[in-house]
Protein backbone atom coordinates (compact mmCIF):
# COMPACT_ATOMS: atom_id res chain seq x y z
CA UNK A 1 90.35 25.12 32.00
CA UNK A 2 91.80 26.62 35.37
CA UNK A 3 90.90 29.99 34.38
CA UNK A 4 87.55 28.67 33.34
CA UNK A 5 86.88 27.28 36.87
CA UNK A 6 87.67 30.76 38.31
CA UNK A 7 85.37 32.42 35.90
CA UNK A 8 82.70 30.06 36.72
CA UNK A 9 83.10 30.43 40.42
CA UNK A 10 82.92 34.26 40.33
CA UNK A 11 79.73 34.35 38.18
CA UNK A 12 77.83 31.76 40.39
CA UNK A 13 79.20 33.89 43.64
CA UNK A 14 77.61 36.97 41.71
CA UNK A 15 74.40 35.31 41.08
CA UNK A 16 74.21 34.25 44.80
CA UNK A 17 75.20 37.56 45.93
CA UNK A 18 72.88 39.43 43.89
CA UNK A 19 69.86 37.29 44.52
CA UNK A 20 66.59 38.25 46.24
CA UNK A 21 66.85 40.22 49.57
CA UNK A 22 63.47 40.26 51.14
CA UNK A 23 64.55 41.63 54.37
CA UNK A 24 65.65 44.83 53.04
CA UNK A 25 62.29 45.38 51.03
CA UNK A 26 60.16 45.06 54.04
CA UNK A 27 60.81 48.65 55.05
CA UNK A 28 60.33 50.04 51.69
CA UNK A 29 57.23 50.63 49.67
CA UNK A 30 58.02 49.31 46.26
CA UNK A 31 55.95 50.42 43.29
CA UNK A 32 56.20 49.91 39.74
CA UNK A 33 55.25 52.02 36.56
CA UNK A 34 56.75 52.39 32.96
CA UNK A 35 58.35 55.64 33.38
CA UNK A 36 57.25 56.25 29.41
CA UNK A 37 53.79 57.57 30.03
CA UNK A 38 54.01 61.48 30.51
CA UNK A 39 52.65 63.17 32.21
CA UNK A 40 51.96 60.34 34.54
CA UNK A 41 55.47 59.19 34.68
CA UNK A 42 58.43 60.28 32.77
CA UNK A 43 62.20 61.25 33.26
CA UNK A 44 62.64 64.96 33.94
CA UNK A 45 65.44 67.26 33.02
CA UNK A 46 67.69 65.52 35.39
CA UNK A 47 67.05 62.05 34.24
CA UNK A 48 64.84 61.32 37.54
CA UNK A 49 61.59 59.63 37.58
CA UNK A 50 58.78 62.36 37.65
CA UNK A 51 55.02 62.64 37.00
CA UNK A 52 51.33 62.38 38.60
CA UNK A 53 51.90 58.61 39.50
CA UNK A 54 55.24 59.35 40.93
CA UNK A 55 54.31 61.98 43.18
CA UNK A 56 51.05 60.02 44.32
CA UNK A 57 53.35 56.93 45.04
CA UNK A 58 55.90 59.02 47.26
CA UNK A 59 53.14 60.72 49.13
CA UNK A 60 51.50 57.34 49.94
CA UNK A 61 54.67 55.80 51.06
CA UNK A 62 55.13 58.96 53.34
CA UNK A 63 51.92 58.57 54.73
CA UNK A 64 52.29 54.78 55.54
CA UNK A 65 55.68 55.34 57.14
CA UNK A 66 57.97 53.59 54.38
CA UNK A 67 60.69 54.57 52.23
CA UNK A 68 59.56 54.98 48.51
CA UNK A 69 61.20 53.00 45.96
CA UNK A 70 59.96 53.01 42.47
CA UNK A 71 60.95 50.49 39.87
CA UNK A 72 60.44 51.30 36.13
CA UNK A 73 59.28 48.26 34.10
CA UNK A 74 57.67 47.24 30.72
CA UNK A 75 53.83 47.45 30.77
CA UNK A 76 53.30 44.08 29.30
CA UNK A 77 55.14 42.33 32.33
CA UNK A 78 54.06 44.74 35.12
CA UNK A 79 51.25 42.86 36.46
CA UNK A 80 53.17 39.65 36.19
CA UNK A 81 56.15 41.33 38.46
CA UNK A 82 53.69 42.20 40.78
CA UNK A 83 52.24 38.66 41.24
CA UNK A 84 55.74 37.25 41.40
CA UNK A 85 56.33 39.77 44.40
CA UNK A 86 58.89 41.85 42.74
CA UNK A 87 57.10 44.91 44.05
CA UNK A 88 54.49 45.87 46.45
CA UNK A 89 52.08 47.66 44.16
CA UNK A 90 51.40 49.38 40.91
CA UNK A 91 50.83 53.06 40.90
CA UNK A 92 50.91 53.19 37.04
CA UNK A 93 47.52 54.51 35.87
CA UNK A 94 45.92 51.00 35.80
CA UNK A 95 42.51 50.70 35.02
CA UNK A 96 40.04 48.61 37.39
CA UNK A 97 38.75 45.69 35.41
CA UNK A 98 36.93 42.51 36.43
CA UNK A 99 39.58 40.42 34.79
CA UNK A 100 42.59 42.16 36.38
CA UNK A 101 40.42 41.93 39.75
CA UNK A 102 40.55 38.36 39.62
CA UNK A 103 44.27 38.16 40.03
CA UNK A 104 44.85 41.27 42.37
CA UNK A 105 42.88 43.67 44.73
CA UNK A 106 42.50 47.35 43.59
CA UNK A 107 42.45 50.23 45.95
CA UNK A 108 39.74 52.87 45.71
CA UNK A 109 40.16 54.67 42.46
CA UNK A 110 42.62 57.75 42.92
CA UNK A 111 41.51 59.46 39.63
CA UNK A 112 38.87 58.92 36.55
CA UNK A 113 39.62 59.04 33.25
CA UNK A 114 38.44 57.47 29.79
CA UNK A 115 39.60 56.23 26.56
CA UNK A 116 39.65 58.56 23.60
CA UNK A 117 40.51 58.17 19.85
CA UNK A 118 43.03 60.57 18.32
CA UNK A 119 44.00 60.91 15.01
CA UNK A 120 46.25 63.38 12.91
CA UNK A 121 45.04 66.57 12.59
CA UNK A 122 45.21 66.26 8.56
CA UNK A 123 42.83 63.15 9.18
CA UNK A 124 43.95 61.58 5.79
CA UNK A 125 41.22 58.51 6.09
CA UNK A 126 38.43 61.02 6.91
CA UNK A 127 37.35 59.26 10.17
CA UNK A 128 35.36 61.17 12.84
CA UNK A 129 34.68 58.31 15.06
CA UNK A 130 35.86 54.91 16.23
CA UNK A 131 33.12 53.36 14.23
CA UNK A 132 34.56 54.60 10.99
CA UNK A 133 37.93 52.99 11.60
CA UNK A 134 36.90 49.49 10.15
CA UNK A 135 39.66 48.05 8.36
CA UNK A 136 42.13 50.85 9.11
CA UNK A 137 45.01 50.63 11.61
CA UNK A 138 44.61 51.81 15.07
CA UNK A 139 47.48 51.65 17.47
CA UNK A 140 47.48 50.96 21.30
CA UNK A 141 50.12 50.13 23.95
CA UNK A 142 50.36 46.30 24.24
CA UNK A 143 48.61 45.03 27.42
CA UNK A 144 46.61 48.07 27.99
CA UNK A 145 42.46 47.89 28.36
CA UNK A 146 42.18 49.72 25.13
CA UNK A 147 43.68 46.69 23.29
CA UNK A 148 40.99 44.08 24.58
CA UNK A 149 38.23 46.89 23.97
CA UNK A 150 39.02 47.30 20.56
CA UNK A 151 39.59 43.55 19.89
CA UNK A 152 36.23 42.87 21.54
CA UNK A 153 33.99 45.51 20.32
CA UNK A 154 35.53 46.49 16.88
CA UNK A 155 37.06 43.30 15.47
CA UNK A 156 37.10 44.89 12.03
CA UNK A 157 39.66 47.27 13.25
CA UNK A 158 43.34 46.28 12.61
CA UNK A 159 44.58 46.68 16.13
CA UNK A 160 48.34 47.61 15.96
CA UNK A 161 50.03 47.02 19.47
CA UNK A 162 53.39 48.74 20.45
CA UNK A 163 55.64 48.46 23.39
CA UNK A 164 55.04 52.33 24.55
CA UNK A 165 53.31 55.43 23.70
CA UNK A 166 56.20 57.14 22.29
CA UNK A 167 56.36 54.67 19.31
CA UNK A 168 52.52 55.31 18.67
CA UNK A 169 53.03 58.94 18.78
CA UNK A 170 55.88 58.74 16.21
CA UNK A 171 53.96 56.41 13.80
CA UNK A 172 50.87 58.63 13.84
CA UNK A 173 53.17 61.73 13.23
CA UNK A 174 54.41 59.84 10.04
CA UNK A 175 50.75 58.98 9.07
CA UNK A 176 51.36 55.26 9.12
CA UNK A 177 48.53 54.55 11.20
CA UNK A 178 45.08 56.13 11.07
CA UNK A 179 44.68 56.88 14.91
CA UNK A 180 45.75 55.69 18.54
CA UNK A 181 43.32 54.91 21.58
CA UNK A 182 44.92 56.08 25.07
CA UNK A 183 43.84 57.73 28.01
CA UNK A 184 42.28 61.19 26.99
CA UNK A 185 44.42 63.18 29.43
CA UNK A 186 47.49 61.74 27.99
CA UNK A 187 46.46 62.47 24.37
CA UNK A 188 45.35 66.01 25.44
CA UNK A 189 48.79 66.63 27.21
CA UNK A 190 50.59 65.55 24.02
CA UNK A 191 48.48 67.89 21.92
CA UNK A 192 48.89 70.71 24.20
CA UNK A 193 52.54 70.45 25.83
CA UNK A 194 54.31 68.30 23.09
CA UNK A 195 52.72 70.40 20.17
CA UNK A 196 51.71 66.98 18.59
CA UNK A 197 49.58 67.24 15.33
CA UNK A 198 46.90 65.30 17.06
CA UNK A 199 43.09 65.81 17.56
CA UNK A 200 40.61 63.93 19.49
CA UNK A 201 37.53 62.52 17.51
CA UNK A 202 34.21 61.24 18.36
CA UNK A 203 33.01 60.98 21.91
CA UNK A 204 34.88 59.22 24.87
CA UNK A 205 34.68 55.50 24.23
CA UNK A 206 34.49 54.64 27.88
CA UNK A 207 35.22 55.78 31.36
CA UNK A 208 37.69 54.24 33.46
CA UNK A 209 38.29 54.05 37.25
CA UNK A 210 42.12 54.06 37.84
CA UNK A 211 43.29 52.09 41.03
CA UNK A 212 46.40 50.66 42.71
CA UNK A 213 46.67 46.89 42.40
CA UNK A 214 48.31 44.98 45.21
CA UNK A 215 48.49 41.19 45.68
CA UNK A 216 45.48 39.29 47.34
CA UNK A 217 47.58 38.31 50.16
CA UNK A 218 48.16 41.97 51.09
CA UNK A 219 45.06 43.04 52.61
CA UNK A 220 46.84 45.03 55.33
CA UNK A 221 48.83 47.17 52.89
CA UNK A 222 45.52 47.57 50.79
CA UNK A 223 43.95 48.95 53.75
CA UNK A 224 46.86 51.26 54.36
CA UNK A 225 46.76 52.74 50.87
CA UNK A 226 42.98 53.31 50.96
CA UNK A 227 43.48 55.09 54.11
CA UNK A 228 46.26 57.21 52.53
CA UNK A 229 44.20 57.95 49.69
CA UNK A 230 41.39 59.10 51.51
CA UNK A 231 43.48 61.24 53.67
CA UNK A 232 44.97 62.90 50.27
CA UNK A 233 41.47 63.42 49.19
CA UNK A 234 40.24 64.97 52.50
CA UNK A 235 43.20 67.58 52.84
CA UNK A 236 43.28 68.33 49.14
CA UNK A 237 46.79 66.71 48.37
CA UNK A 238 45.31 64.65 45.57
CA UNK A 239 43.80 67.83 43.98
CA UNK A 240 47.35 69.71 44.16
CA UNK A 241 49.00 67.00 42.72
CA UNK A 242 46.48 66.80 39.89
CA UNK A 243 46.63 70.56 39.33
CA UNK A 244 50.56 70.27 39.19
CA UNK A 245 50.28 68.17 35.96
CA UNK A 246 46.67 68.88 34.58
CA UNK A 247 45.37 72.10 35.84
CA UNK A 248 46.02 75.68 34.85
CA UNK A 249 49.12 75.79 36.72
CA UNK A 250 50.53 72.51 35.56
CA UNK A 251 53.95 71.77 34.80
CA UNK A 252 54.92 73.74 31.76
CA UNK A 253 57.06 72.53 28.67
CA UNK A 254 60.11 74.13 30.63
CA UNK A 255 60.11 71.06 32.65
CA UNK A 256 58.65 68.59 30.31
CA UNK A 257 59.41 67.72 26.63
CA UNK A 258 63.14 68.20 27.27
CA UNK A 259 66.16 67.04 29.14
CA UNK A 260 69.50 68.20 29.66
CA UNK A 261 72.10 66.82 27.03
CA UNK A 262 74.53 65.74 29.91
CA UNK A 263 71.49 63.92 31.40
CA UNK A 264 70.83 62.20 27.93
CA UNK A 265 74.46 61.07 27.57
CA UNK A 266 74.77 59.81 30.93
CA UNK A 267 71.54 57.87 30.55
CA UNK A 268 72.50 56.27 27.16
CA UNK A 269 76.02 55.65 28.43
CA UNK A 270 74.80 54.15 31.57
CA UNK A 271 72.38 51.65 29.68
CA UNK A 272 74.84 50.69 27.29
CA UNK A 273 77.19 50.10 30.24
CA UNK A 274 74.37 47.58 31.51
CA UNK A 275 74.05 46.12 28.08
CA UNK A 276 77.66 45.31 27.72
CA UNK A 277 78.04 44.15 31.56
CA UNK A 278 75.18 41.75 30.97
CA UNK A 279 76.59 40.43 27.73
CA UNK A 280 80.05 39.83 29.06
CA UNK A 281 78.91 38.01 32.27
CA UNK A 282 76.43 35.94 30.36
CA UNK A 283 79.28 35.30 27.80
CA UNK A 284 81.48 33.89 30.37
CA UNK A 285 79.04 31.78 31.85
CA UNK A 286 77.81 30.51 28.47
CA UNK A 287 81.27 29.76 27.15
CA UNK A 288 82.39 27.99 30.28
CA UNK A 289 79.33 25.61 30.11
CA UNK A 290 79.34 25.13 26.58
CA UNK A 291 82.67 23.57 26.49
CA UNK A 292 81.64 20.45 28.61
CA UNK A 293 78.34 20.38 26.95
CA UNK A 294 79.65 20.41 23.41
CA UNK A 295 81.93 17.41 24.33
CA UNK A 296 78.99 15.60 25.94
CA UNK A 297 77.19 16.27 22.64
CA UNK A 298 79.83 14.27 20.82
CA UNK A 299 79.39 11.00 22.95
CA UNK A 300 76.59 9.21 21.59
CA UNK A 301 77.83 5.90 22.72
CA UNK A 302 79.49 4.26 25.90
CA UNK A 303 79.15 5.06 29.41
CA UNK A 304 78.48 8.92 28.93
CA UNK A 305 75.59 8.35 26.45
CA UNK A 306 72.86 8.97 29.33
CA UNK A 307 74.50 12.15 29.65
CA UNK A 308 74.53 12.73 26.05
CA UNK A 309 70.86 12.45 25.77
CA UNK A 310 70.32 14.63 28.91
CA UNK A 311 72.44 17.41 27.44
CA UNK A 312 70.93 16.91 24.02
CA UNK A 313 67.46 17.39 25.25
CA UNK A 314 68.38 20.43 27.38
CA UNK A 315 70.31 21.98 24.29
CA UNK A 316 67.22 21.26 22.05
CA UNK A 317 64.83 22.81 24.46
CA UNK A 318 66.57 25.89 25.07
CA UNK A 319 67.12 26.59 21.20
CA UNK A 320 63.52 25.70 20.33
CA UNK A 321 61.88 28.19 22.93
CA UNK A 322 61.92 31.97 22.75
CA UNK A 323 64.31 33.70 24.96
CA UNK A 324 61.75 36.08 26.22
CA UNK A 325 59.81 32.97 27.62
CA UNK A 326 63.03 31.89 29.33
CA UNK A 327 63.74 35.15 30.74
CA UNK A 328 60.32 35.56 32.32
CA UNK A 329 60.54 32.08 33.58
CA UNK A 330 64.03 32.85 35.46
CA UNK A 331 62.59 35.89 36.58
CA UNK A 332 59.10 35.16 37.82
CA UNK A 333 59.25 31.34 38.17
CA UNK A 334 62.44 31.03 39.76
CA UNK A 335 62.25 34.40 41.91
CA UNK A 336 65.59 35.60 40.78
CA UNK A 337 66.38 39.37 40.99
CA UNK A 338 66.59 41.09 37.52
CA UNK A 339 70.26 41.14 37.14
CA UNK A 340 71.13 37.39 37.91
CA UNK A 341 67.78 36.53 36.08
CA UNK A 342 69.06 38.26 33.01
CA UNK A 343 72.82 36.98 33.17
CA UNK A 344 71.51 33.32 34.01
CA UNK A 345 68.98 33.24 31.07
CA UNK A 346 71.55 34.70 28.50
CA UNK A 347 74.15 32.71 29.75
CA UNK A 348 72.39 29.50 29.30
CA UNK A 349 70.96 30.39 25.81
CA UNK A 350 74.54 31.19 24.81
CA UNK A 351 75.60 28.09 26.07
CA UNK A 352 73.02 25.97 24.03
CA UNK A 353 74.25 27.65 20.68
CA UNK A 354 77.72 27.51 21.73
CA UNK A 355 77.78 23.86 22.61
CA UNK A 356 76.42 23.10 19.00
CA UNK A 357 79.37 25.27 17.62
CA UNK A 358 81.87 23.40 19.79
CA UNK A 359 80.41 20.07 18.90
CA UNK A 360 80.65 20.88 15.26
CA UNK A 361 84.14 21.89 15.71
CA UNK A 362 85.15 18.94 17.71
CA UNK A 363 83.55 16.59 15.06
CA UNK A 364 85.66 18.27 12.19
CA UNK A 365 88.74 17.10 13.47
CA UNK A 366 89.90 14.09 11.69
CA UNK A 367 89.58 11.00 13.66
CA UNK A 368 93.43 10.02 12.77
CA UNK A 369 94.55 13.19 14.76
CA UNK A 370 93.25 11.40 18.13
CA UNK A 371 94.54 8.11 17.06
CA UNK A 372 98.03 9.37 16.28
CA UNK A 373 98.08 11.02 19.59
CA UNK A 374 97.02 7.86 21.19
CA UNK A 375 99.66 5.94 19.57
CA UNK A 376 102.26 8.51 21.06
CA UNK A 377 100.87 7.32 24.45
CA UNK A 378 98.93 10.55 25.42
CA UNK A 379 96.28 10.20 28.29
CA UNK A 380 92.67 10.94 27.11
CA UNK A 381 92.94 14.35 28.71
CA UNK A 382 96.34 15.23 27.10
CA UNK A 383 95.02 14.07 23.50
CA UNK A 384 91.91 16.64 24.22
CA UNK A 385 93.90 19.48 25.59
CA UNK A 386 97.04 19.37 23.12
CA UNK A 387 95.47 17.85 19.93
CA UNK A 388 91.95 17.92 19.43
CA UNK A 389 90.68 20.93 21.31
CA UNK A 390 93.24 23.40 19.67
CA UNK A 391 92.05 22.33 16.12
CA UNK A 392 88.59 22.33 17.14
CA UNK A 393 88.46 25.78 18.90
CA UNK A 394 90.16 27.41 15.88
CA UNK A 395 87.72 26.15 13.46
CA UNK A 396 84.74 27.11 15.85
CA UNK A 397 85.97 30.66 16.41
CA UNK A 398 83.96 32.27 13.65
CA UNK A 399 80.62 30.88 14.30
CA UNK A 400 81.29 31.63 18.09
CA UNK A 401 81.72 35.15 17.27
CA UNK A 402 78.29 35.32 15.65
CA UNK A 403 77.02 33.84 19.12
CA UNK A 404 78.75 36.71 20.93
CA UNK A 405 77.19 39.28 18.42
CA UNK A 406 73.86 37.75 18.75
CA UNK A 407 74.09 37.72 22.52
CA UNK A 408 75.00 41.28 22.85
CA UNK A 409 71.98 42.14 20.70
CA UNK A 410 69.80 40.03 22.92
CA UNK A 411 70.30 42.11 25.82
CA UNK A 412 67.61 44.66 24.53
CA UNK A 413 65.07 41.85 25.70
CA UNK A 414 65.92 42.34 29.43
CA UNK A 415 64.25 45.62 29.74
CA UNK A 416 60.88 43.67 30.29
CA UNK A 417 62.32 42.63 33.66
CA UNK A 418 63.00 46.19 34.77
CA UNK A 419 66.53 46.49 33.90
CA UNK A 420 67.50 49.73 32.37
CA UNK A 421 69.55 48.84 29.47
CA UNK A 422 70.38 51.06 26.44
CA UNK A 423 67.20 50.42 24.45
CA UNK A 424 64.93 50.98 27.48
CA UNK A 425 66.82 54.24 28.60
CA UNK A 426 66.64 55.28 24.65
CA UNK A 427 62.62 55.12 25.11
CA UNK A 428 62.61 57.03 28.39
CA UNK A 429 64.36 59.83 26.77
CA UNK A 430 62.09 59.43 23.72
CA UNK A 431 59.08 59.67 25.81
CA UNK A 432 60.17 63.43 26.89
CA UNK A 433 62.17 64.52 24.03
CA UNK A 434 59.73 63.03 21.17
CA UNK A 435 62.74 62.27 18.68
CA UNK A 436 62.50 58.53 18.24
CA UNK A 437 64.62 58.56 15.05
CA UNK A 438 67.44 60.24 16.55
CA UNK A 439 67.64 58.32 19.81
CA UNK A 440 67.06 54.83 18.17
CA UNK A 441 69.74 55.87 15.76
CA UNK A 442 72.27 56.64 18.44
CA UNK A 443 71.36 53.19 20.25
CA UNK A 444 72.02 51.49 16.88
CA UNK A 445 75.42 52.97 16.31
CA UNK A 446 76.31 52.26 20.07
CA UNK A 447 75.70 48.73 19.58
CA UNK A 448 77.39 48.67 15.83
CA UNK A 449 80.35 50.41 17.21
CA UNK A 450 80.82 47.27 19.47
CA UNK A 451 79.56 44.68 16.99
CA UNK A 452 81.20 45.78 13.85
CA UNK A 453 84.92 45.05 15.11
CA UNK A 454 83.68 41.85 16.55
CA UNK A 455 82.34 41.01 12.86
CA UNK A 456 85.64 41.99 11.33
CA UNK A 457 87.71 40.25 14.00
CA UNK A 458 85.76 37.16 12.98
CA UNK A 459 86.22 37.66 9.48
CA UNK A 460 90.15 37.98 10.07
CA UNK A 461 90.22 35.02 12.03
CA UNK A 462 88.46 32.84 9.33
CA UNK A 463 90.80 33.95 6.55
CA UNK A 464 93.74 33.32 9.06
CA UNK A 465 92.42 29.76 9.61
CA UNK A 466 91.99 29.22 6.03
CA UNK A 467 95.59 30.58 5.25
CA UNK A 468 96.91 28.21 7.59
CA UNK A 469 95.09 25.14 5.97
CA UNK A 470 92.97 24.41 8.78
CA UNK A 471 89.99 24.24 6.83
CA UNK A 472 91.14 21.11 5.29
CA UNK A 473 92.35 19.38 8.60
């Protein structure tokens, strides 16, 4: 228990030290994008963020005399992150819509584009317009305006929503969907620069004005952004950035569509190290909290009864709600920084499941063991420490190991709060290398390299316990 207190103290100290630091953010222009939307945002050969939106973001920061800091996060949580003051603005090719304008203020448009339907060039379903896609699967990125457009205007279409464009492109290459709807510039770039077997069909579905959203309580920042955008248009800077990616002198496939092997290895290892670090910290936090919680769950009578019902209700609530919702609540609702939010959420979630395992282990110990220890004159603490807990813990080891494995895999969820864990790093690599099968396989094998020994260890411990007869205690 002495070590448990040390671990708990260190974990709480980390959460406090790594908390929000608003003072440092005041001198920065913090913007968000996905990093998985080439050529607007992607990772270059050196593994650094690049693209049209990245250049626009840095140029605006320079013109408003702030230091640029860009955060890569998931699209489906990007607007919520802005409202929760995780960054100052989104420069990620976000279309201006009336629904979004109810929550945020948009800058003047910095470019115009439109929605386009793309299909495989073999066109197995023989569709030549969006009207002919009735009953067929058409993919969009989750949360984009294209999803709402299809659901409202074409309810008979089977809209498939995925986390990133890279997954959509892979599905269409495999002819598992009829087509996809995306920005016409993005689709055209995929055809020409990435040699994708896609073709646009039909007329452009609608035009979009792309702006930079900021919070409604930031009118001064919005004015600065609009002034910077106007100056960039006047002196030709915006046109030069556009030409760099979409004009005749645009960035070639020598810099896009590839990434150095050393950079890929570094990104995967860094992402995996982050996944393991979060899992380890959450595991320590969860295990330390699970011991007293599991003990309280066994006290259904006596003076600890109120605490029992309090812990019972909390554990049931955590186990009965999705981890993703808990993660977003801690990140957005409590305002914690991404890493503390991830560790706290996964740690509490692990606590809930481990507490039930420990409760089951404690209840499996024969009551006669405690009575015998009491007859020997041992104190309640010594009876628990030397008699009950060792037997309960040995029985609980296999299911506890299952909790550890599940926790490690749950770290993939934290990418939605902008943490560059392994899966997100793999997706960023896929967005420029166009090899989803290879890099998802590598990511899966990296997880398996850790979880398989843990599962084997669990089996070995379980056999050892049975061999010693503890299964019949």
